[in-house]
Amino acid sequence: MQEESHKPKVGISVGDLGGIGCEVILKTFQDSRMLDFCTPVIFASGKTLSHHMQQLDLQLKFQGVQDAASAIDGRINVVNIWKDHPLVPEGKATAEGGTYAIKSLRAAVKALREGDVDVLVTAPINKKNVQNKDFQFPGHTDYLAQELGGESLMFMVTDSLKVGLLTDHVPVREAPELITQKRITAKLKAMEESLIRDFAIRKPRIAVLGINPHSGDEGVIGKEDDEVLKPALKKLIDAGHLVFGPYAADTFFASDNYRNFDAVLAAYHDQGLIPFKTLSFGKGVNFTAGLSRIRTSPDHGTAYDIAGKGMADSSSFTEAVFSALEIFRNRTEYEGLTKNPLQKVRLKRNTKGKNREK
């Protein structure tokens, strides 16, 4: 009898309990067909999830397990990180909401690091109420970089648009100081590597947006593009990398120029995320590229204004799950091919055979 194919384990952190995290998670897995693709492992508590199901009038069955390694295929698994049901008011940013969000996140990341889950999907947190003496990060990305290692890249992705950031959650006035030739090179190489191994794009073409308006207009509106960005790009181009730019950010997306490239690197947060969310909101996924493990999240925040009202759209969270699974498959296949030279030889022979037949 043929052995059943492995269903990837998806670790899930619930985010801020005062936001819509639990709602979008439960709505995603209300569709039982999701269990055909993966084995979900939610890090929270059965009481918390039962409370949200009752409030939202949702009917799901879940399996309590001691740890992620004990997760059962075909079930929604819950690892009880806390036993009680914390009374966190919905629709508000509270210290308790942040505390439980980090408890869930820490447990999920530990399971990911130790290989007990294959990928991680995180529900939204509030960047302010998670701050404490043990957690002083501006968001998921920086924490994951510390815990998992690698050159992290905030990468917003859909099938047709992928936007990465040179600088992410930093004040606008600090962004130019952080943009160095070394950083530009590292982020572009991380993006290129991710496009190859995570998205199966063999020779990715990457567009780079200018730092200043009109990319500095030859030094009239700032010198950073001429003195920092262009020299870094030239070195990469001379080394054979398909990077292009810098392009003026104000017309790049409006002219549909982004369709000519596999990905776009923006200089700072809003330069990249405003056009991305305008074009893709509800369908986009936040992927932390460049790490040793795979993490995705929806492209929205805690949405306190609609929390607890049953109005949250789970589309982006569902996309985050599917994106994590696709990236996992692509990365697994890529690692298998690059580690097995005999398989590469066979592929070359097959390719040559096909060419001869044409």
Protein backbone atom coordinates (compact mmCIF):
# COMPACT_ATOMS: atom_id res chain seq x y z
CA MET A 1 0.00 0.00 0.00
CA GLN A 2 1.30 3.46 -0.91
CA GLU A 3 2.03 5.67 2.06
CA GLU A 4 -0.21 8.69 2.41
CA SER A 5 1.52 11.92 1.41
CA HIS A 6 2.65 14.15 4.25
CA LYS A 7 0.33 17.03 5.08
CA PRO A 8 2.37 20.01 6.26
CA LYS A 9 1.75 21.13 9.82
CA VAL A 10 0.73 24.79 9.95
CA GLY A 11 1.53 26.44 13.27
CA ILE A 12 -0.82 29.35 14.03
CA SER A 13 -0.42 32.15 16.57
CA VAL A 14 -3.71 33.84 17.45
CA GLY A 15 -2.52 37.45 17.69
CA ASP A 16 -4.21 40.07 19.85
CA LEU A 17 -7.24 38.53 21.58
CA GLY A 18 -8.94 41.93 21.41
CA GLY A 19 -8.69 41.95 17.61
CA ILE A 20 -10.00 39.76 14.80
CA GLY A 21 -7.27 37.10 14.93
CA CYS A 22 -9.35 34.27 16.40
CA GLU A 23 -12.25 35.15 14.10
CA VAL A 24 -10.29 34.93 10.85
CA ILE A 25 -8.58 31.72 11.99
CA LEU A 26 -11.87 30.02 12.85
CA LYS A 27 -13.56 31.23 9.66
CA THR A 28 -10.68 29.90 7.58
CA PHE A 29 -10.91 26.41 9.07
CA GLN A 30 -14.68 26.38 9.14
CA ASP A 31 -14.24 25.11 5.60
CA SER A 32 -13.39 21.46 6.29
CA ARG A 33 -11.66 21.18 2.90
CA MET A 34 -8.71 23.07 4.42
CA LEU A 35 -7.83 19.87 6.27
CA ASP A 36 -7.20 18.18 2.93
CA PHE A 37 -4.20 20.47 2.46
CA CYS A 38 -2.66 20.79 5.90
CA THR A 39 -2.78 19.96 9.58
CA PRO A 40 -3.45 23.15 11.58
CA VAL A 41 -1.93 23.57 15.04
CA ILE A 42 -3.28 26.58 16.94
CA PHE A 43 -1.33 27.87 19.94
CA ALA A 44 -3.90 29.28 22.38
CA SER A 45 -6.43 27.45 24.56
CA GLY A 46 -9.55 25.42 23.92
CA LYS A 47 -11.57 27.70 26.21
CA THR A 48 -10.54 30.81 24.30
CA LEU A 49 -11.47 29.29 20.94
CA SER A 50 -14.76 27.90 22.28
CA HIS A 51 -15.65 31.37 23.55
CA HIS A 52 -15.04 32.91 20.12
CA MET A 53 -16.95 30.13 18.35
CA GLN A 54 -19.96 30.67 20.59
CA GLN A 55 -19.81 34.42 20.08
CA LEU A 56 -19.57 34.07 16.30
CA ASP A 57 -22.06 31.19 16.10
CA LEU A 58 -19.50 28.95 14.40
CA GLN A 59 -19.47 25.16 14.62
CA LEU A 60 -16.00 23.60 14.57
CA LYS A 61 -14.46 20.62 16.28
CA PHE A 62 -10.91 20.75 17.52
CA GLN A 63 -8.51 18.32 19.14
CA GLY A 64 -6.55 19.31 22.24
CA VAL A 65 -2.95 18.08 22.06
CA GLN A 66 -0.06 18.29 24.48
CA ASP A 67 2.35 19.69 21.92
CA ALA A 68 2.66 20.28 18.19
CA ALA A 69 4.57 17.04 17.66
CA SER A 70 1.42 15.17 18.78
CA ALA A 71 -0.88 16.92 16.27
CA ILE A 72 -3.37 14.63 14.50
CA ASP A 73 -3.98 14.77 10.75
CA GLY A 74 -7.53 15.56 9.73
CA ARG A 75 -8.19 17.57 12.90
CA ILE A 76 -7.91 21.18 14.01
CA ASN A 77 -5.33 20.83 16.77
CA VAL A 78 -5.03 23.17 19.74
CA VAL A 79 -1.99 23.31 22.01
CA ASN A 80 -3.14 24.79 25.31
CA ILE A 81 -0.62 27.52 26.08
CA TRP A 82 -2.90 28.84 28.82
CA LYS A 83 -5.67 26.92 30.58
CA ASP A 84 -7.98 29.78 31.49
CA HIS A 85 -10.04 32.02 29.24
CA PRO A 86 -8.62 35.53 29.73
CA LEU A 87 -11.23 38.27 29.89
CA VAL A 88 -9.77 40.47 27.18
CA PRO A 89 -12.27 43.08 25.92
CA GLU A 90 -12.72 42.92 22.17
CA GLY A 91 -12.22 46.03 20.13
CA LYS A 92 -9.64 47.55 22.46
CA ALA A 93 -5.86 47.58 22.78
CA THR A 94 -5.07 46.24 26.24
CA ALA A 95 -1.98 44.99 28.04
CA GLU A 96 -3.65 41.60 28.49
CA GLY A 97 -4.30 41.31 24.76
CA GLY A 98 -0.63 41.93 24.08
CA THR A 99 0.54 39.52 26.78
CA TYR A 100 -1.45 36.59 25.43
CA ALA A 101 -0.52 37.43 21.84
CA ILE A 102 3.17 37.05 22.74
CA LYS A 103 2.55 33.84 24.71
CA SER A 104 0.98 32.34 21.60
CA LEU A 105 3.71 33.69 19.31
CA ARG A 106 6.61 32.47 21.45
CA ALA A 107 5.18 28.95 21.65
CA ALA A 108 4.48 28.82 17.91
CA VAL A 109 7.96 30.08 16.99
CA LYS A 110 9.56 27.53 19.35
CA ALA A 111 7.65 24.73 17.62
CA LEU A 112 8.69 26.10 14.22
CA ARG A 113 12.34 26.37 15.21
CA GLU A 114 12.36 22.81 16.57
CA GLY A 115 10.65 21.37 13.49
CA ASP A 116 7.40 20.36 15.20
CA VAL A 117 5.48 22.47 12.66
CA ASP A 118 6.51 23.03 9.05
CA VAL A 119 5.36 26.64 8.61
CA LEU A 120 4.00 29.47 10.73
CA VAL A 121 1.02 31.73 10.04
CA THR A 122 0.60 34.62 12.45
CA ALA A 123 -2.59 36.54 13.20
CA PRO A 124 -2.15 40.32 13.71
CA ILE A 125 -0.65 41.86 16.83
CA ASN A 126 -0.71 45.43 18.11
CA LYS A 127 2.84 46.74 18.00
CA LYS A 128 2.39 48.88 21.10
CA ASN A 129 0.66 46.60 23.59
CA VAL A 130 3.13 43.74 23.04
CA GLN A 131 6.04 45.82 24.29
CA ASN A 132 7.53 44.71 27.61
CA LYS A 133 10.94 44.07 29.12
CA ASP A 134 11.16 40.67 27.37
CA PHE A 135 9.70 41.70 24.01
CA GLN A 136 10.97 44.95 22.52
CA PHE A 137 10.47 44.51 18.80
CA PRO A 138 8.49 46.73 16.41
CA GLY A 139 6.74 43.69 14.95
CA HIS A 140 6.89 40.04 13.98
CA THR A 141 9.68 40.44 11.41
CA ASP A 142 12.42 41.61 13.78
CA TYR A 143 11.52 39.03 16.43
CA LEU A 144 11.54 36.21 13.90
CA ALA A 145 14.91 37.33 12.54
CA GLN A 146 16.37 37.03 16.04
CA GLU A 147 14.79 33.64 16.74
CA LEU A 148 15.28 31.98 13.35
CA GLY A 149 18.33 33.67 11.87
CA GLY A 150 18.94 34.92 8.34
CA GLU A 151 18.64 38.17 6.39
CA SER A 152 14.97 38.95 6.99
CA LEU A 153 12.99 40.73 4.29
CA MET A 154 9.45 42.00 4.66
CA PHE A 155 7.91 40.72 1.43
CA MET A 156 4.29 41.48 0.52
CA VAL A 157 3.12 39.01 -2.10
CA THR A 158 0.28 38.01 -4.40
CA ASP A 159 0.38 35.93 -7.57
CA SER A 160 0.86 39.05 -9.70
CA LEU A 161 2.63 41.54 -7.40
CA LYS A 162 5.51 41.13 -4.95
CA VAL A 163 6.91 44.11 -3.03
CA GLY A 164 9.83 43.96 -0.60
CA LEU A 165 11.16 46.68 1.69
CA LEU A 166 14.65 48.08 2.22
CA THR A 167 13.50 49.52 5.55
CA ASP A 168 10.29 48.46 7.23
CA HIS A 169 8.97 49.54 10.63
CA VAL A 170 11.16 52.58 11.25
CA PRO A 171 10.27 56.29 11.38
CA VAL A 172 10.44 57.95 7.96
CA ARG A 173 13.12 60.40 9.10
CA GLU A 174 15.41 57.47 10.04
CA ALA A 175 14.96 55.50 6.81
CA PRO A 176 17.57 57.35 4.66
CA GLU A 177 20.28 56.80 7.28
CA LEU A 178 19.64 53.05 7.21
CA ILE A 179 19.86 52.79 3.41
CA THR A 180 23.48 51.88 2.77
CA GLN A 181 25.10 50.06 -0.15
CA LYS A 182 25.62 47.07 2.12
CA ARG A 183 21.93 46.97 3.08
CA ILE A 184 20.78 47.41 -0.53
CA THR A 185 22.97 44.51 -1.66
CA ALA A 186 21.85 42.25 1.20
CA LYS A 187 18.13 42.91 0.69
CA LEU A 188 18.30 42.45 -3.08
CA LYS A 189 20.20 39.19 -2.73
CA ALA A 190 17.69 37.98 -0.11
CA MET A 191 14.82 38.88 -2.47
CA GLU A 192 16.47 37.18 -5.44
CA GLU A 193 17.16 34.02 -3.45
CA SER A 194 13.58 33.94 -2.17
CA LEU A 195 12.14 34.35 -5.66
CA ILE A 196 14.26 31.42 -6.84
CA ARG A 197 13.72 28.94 -4.03
CA ASP A 198 10.36 30.06 -2.58
CA PHE A 199 8.53 31.06 -5.76
CA ALA A 200 10.28 28.86 -8.35
CA ILE A 201 11.32 31.80 -10.57
CA ARG A 202 14.55 30.74 -12.22
CA LYS A 203 15.98 34.15 -13.27
CA PRO A 204 14.05 36.81 -11.38
CA ARG A 205 13.87 40.39 -12.61
CA ILE A 206 13.75 42.93 -9.79
CA ALA A 207 12.82 46.61 -10.03
CA VAL A 208 14.18 49.04 -7.43
CA LEU A 209 12.36 52.25 -6.53
CA GLY A 210 14.25 55.51 -5.98
CA ILE A 211 14.78 56.89 -2.50
CA ASN A 212 13.87 60.50 -3.30
CA PRO A 213 11.10 61.96 -5.50
CA HIS A 214 11.94 61.35 -9.18
CA SER A 215 14.94 59.30 -7.94
CA GLY A 216 16.61 62.57 -6.95
CA ASP A 217 16.43 64.24 -10.40
CA GLU A 218 20.21 63.88 -10.82
CA GLY A 219 20.95 65.37 -7.42
CA VAL A 220 18.47 68.26 -7.54
CA ILE A 221 16.16 66.53 -4.99
CA GLY A 222 18.68 64.71 -2.84
CA LYS A 223 21.91 62.86 -3.53
CA GLU A 224 21.16 59.46 -1.98
CA ASP A 225 20.05 57.87 -5.26
CA ASP A 226 23.20 58.92 -7.11
CA GLU A 227 25.68 58.36 -4.30
CA VAL A 228 24.27 55.24 -2.60
CA LEU A 229 21.60 53.45 -4.60
CA LYS A 230 22.96 53.61 -8.16
CA PRO A 231 26.51 52.43 -7.28
CA ALA A 232 25.06 49.45 -5.37
CA LEU A 233 22.86 48.51 -8.31
CA LYS A 234 25.75 48.83 -10.77
CA LYS A 235 27.86 46.36 -8.80
CA LEU A 236 25.01 43.85 -8.79
CA ILE A 237 24.31 44.36 -12.49
CA ASP A 238 27.99 43.90 -13.32
CA ALA A 239 27.91 40.63 -11.34
CA GLY A 240 25.04 39.34 -13.49
CA HIS A 241 22.01 40.04 -11.29
CA LEU A 242 18.85 41.19 -13.10
CA VAL A 243 18.15 44.33 -11.08
CA PHE A 244 16.79 47.50 -12.68
CA GLY A 245 16.29 51.09 -11.61
CA PRO A 246 16.03 53.23 -9.72
CA TYR A 247 12.50 54.06 -10.87
CA ALA A 248 10.49 57.08 -9.78
CA ALA A 249 8.00 55.70 -7.28
CA ASP A 250 5.15 58.11 -8.07
CA THR A 251 4.52 56.71 -11.58
CA PHE A 252 5.90 53.18 -11.34
CA PHE A 253 2.68 51.46 -10.23
CA ALA A 254 0.24 53.80 -11.98
CA SER A 255 1.88 53.04 -15.33
CA ASP A 256 1.65 49.27 -14.73
CA ASN A 257 5.42 49.08 -15.09
CA TYR A 258 5.49 46.68 -12.15
CA ARG A 259 4.02 43.99 -14.42
CA ASN A 260 7.35 43.80 -16.26
CA PHE A 261 9.14 42.50 -13.17
CA ASP A 262 8.95 39.55 -10.79
CA ALA A 263 9.31 41.76 -7.72
CA VAL A 264 9.82 45.35 -6.60
CA LEU A 265 12.11 46.63 -3.83
CA ALA A 266 10.82 49.80 -2.18
CA ALA A 267 12.97 52.15 -0.11
CA TYR A 268 10.66 52.46 2.89
CA HIS A 269 7.41 51.14 4.33
CA ASP A 270 4.72 53.38 2.86
CA GLN A 271 6.44 53.75 -0.51
CA GLY A 272 5.86 50.03 -1.07
CA LEU A 273 2.83 49.18 1.03
CA ILE A 274 0.47 51.96 -0.06
CA PRO A 275 0.45 50.83 -3.71
CA PHE A 276 0.54 47.16 -2.70
CA LYS A 277 -2.51 47.41 -0.46
CA THR A 278 -4.32 49.66 -2.92
CA LEU A 279 -3.91 47.05 -5.64
CA SER A 280 -4.19 43.89 -3.55
CA PHE A 281 -5.90 44.50 -0.20
CA GLY A 282 -7.62 41.39 1.10
CA LYS A 283 -5.66 39.16 -1.27
CA GLY A 284 -2.14 40.04 -0.17
CA VAL A 285 0.11 38.11 2.18
CA ASN A 286 2.98 39.32 4.35
CA PHE A 287 5.84 36.83 3.96
CA THR A 288 9.05 37.09 5.99
CA ALA A 289 11.58 36.03 3.37
CA GLY A 290 15.24 35.23 3.99
CA LEU A 291 14.75 33.21 7.19
CA SER A 292 15.57 29.57 7.87
CA ARG A 293 11.84 28.86 8.34
CA ILE A 294 8.64 29.99 6.63
CA ARG A 295 6.27 32.55 8.13
CA THR A 296 3.31 34.33 6.54
CA SER A 297 0.51 36.54 7.83
CA PRO A 298 -2.51 38.40 6.44
CA ASP A 299 -2.03 41.89 5.02
CA HIS A 300 -4.24 43.60 7.64
CA GLY A 301 -4.03 44.55 11.29
CA THR A 302 -6.05 43.84 14.43
CA ALA A 303 -9.14 45.72 13.10
CA TYR A 304 -10.40 46.65 16.55
CA ASP A 305 -13.31 48.57 15.00
CA ILE A 306 -15.00 45.35 13.84
CA ALA A 307 -13.65 42.87 16.41
CA GLY A 308 -16.32 40.64 17.94
CA LYS A 309 -18.97 41.66 15.42
CA GLY A 310 -18.60 38.74 13.03
CA MET A 311 -17.74 41.12 10.17
CA ALA A 312 -14.08 40.17 9.61
CA ASP A 313 -13.14 38.89 6.16
CA SER A 314 -10.90 35.83 6.45
CA SER A 315 -9.73 35.91 2.80
CA SER A 316 -6.26 37.28 3.54
CA PHE A 317 -5.65 34.81 6.39
CA THR A 318 -6.74 31.95 4.13
CA GLU A 319 -4.35 33.25 1.45
CA ALA A 320 -1.60 33.37 4.06
CA VAL A 321 -2.13 29.67 4.82
CA PHE A 322 -2.09 28.69 1.14
CA SER A 323 0.96 30.87 0.46
CA ALA A 324 2.86 29.25 3.32
CA LEU A 325 2.01 25.80 1.92
CA GLU A 326 3.06 26.76 -1.61
CA ILE A 327 6.33 28.26 -0.42
CA PHE A 328 6.97 25.14 1.68
CA ARG A 329 6.46 22.90 -1.37
CA ASN A 330 8.65 25.09 -3.58
CA ARG A 331 11.42 25.31 -0.99
CA THR A 332 11.32 21.56 -0.31
CA GLU A 333 11.57 20.81 -4.02
CA TYR A 334 14.37 23.34 -4.51
CA GLU A 335 16.39 21.96 -1.60
CA GLY A 336 15.90 18.43 -2.91
CA LEU A 337 17.15 19.37 -6.37
CA THR A 338 20.17 21.34 -5.15
CA LYS A 339 21.20 18.61 -2.72
CA ASN A 340 20.88 15.76 -5.22
CA PRO A 341 23.30 16.16 -8.15
CA LEU A 342 22.12 12.90 -9.77
CA GLN A 343 18.58 14.26 -9.99
CA LYS A 344 19.93 17.45 -11.60
CA VAL A 345 21.74 15.37 -14.20
CA ARG A 346 18.55 13.45 -14.99
CA LEU A 347 16.65 16.70 -15.37
CA LYS A 348 19.28 18.02 -17.80
CA ARG A 349 19.09 14.84 -19.85
CA ASN A 350 15.30 15.01 -19.99
CA THR A 351 15.47 18.65 -21.09
CA LYS A 352 17.96 17.82 -23.85
CA GLY A 353 15.74 14.97 -25.02
CA LYS A 354 12.74 17.26 -25.29
CA ASN A 355 14.76 19.79 -27.27
CA ARG A 356 15.83 17.12 -29.76
CA GLU A 357 12.23 16.04 -30.30
CA LYS A 358 11.10 19.54 -31.23
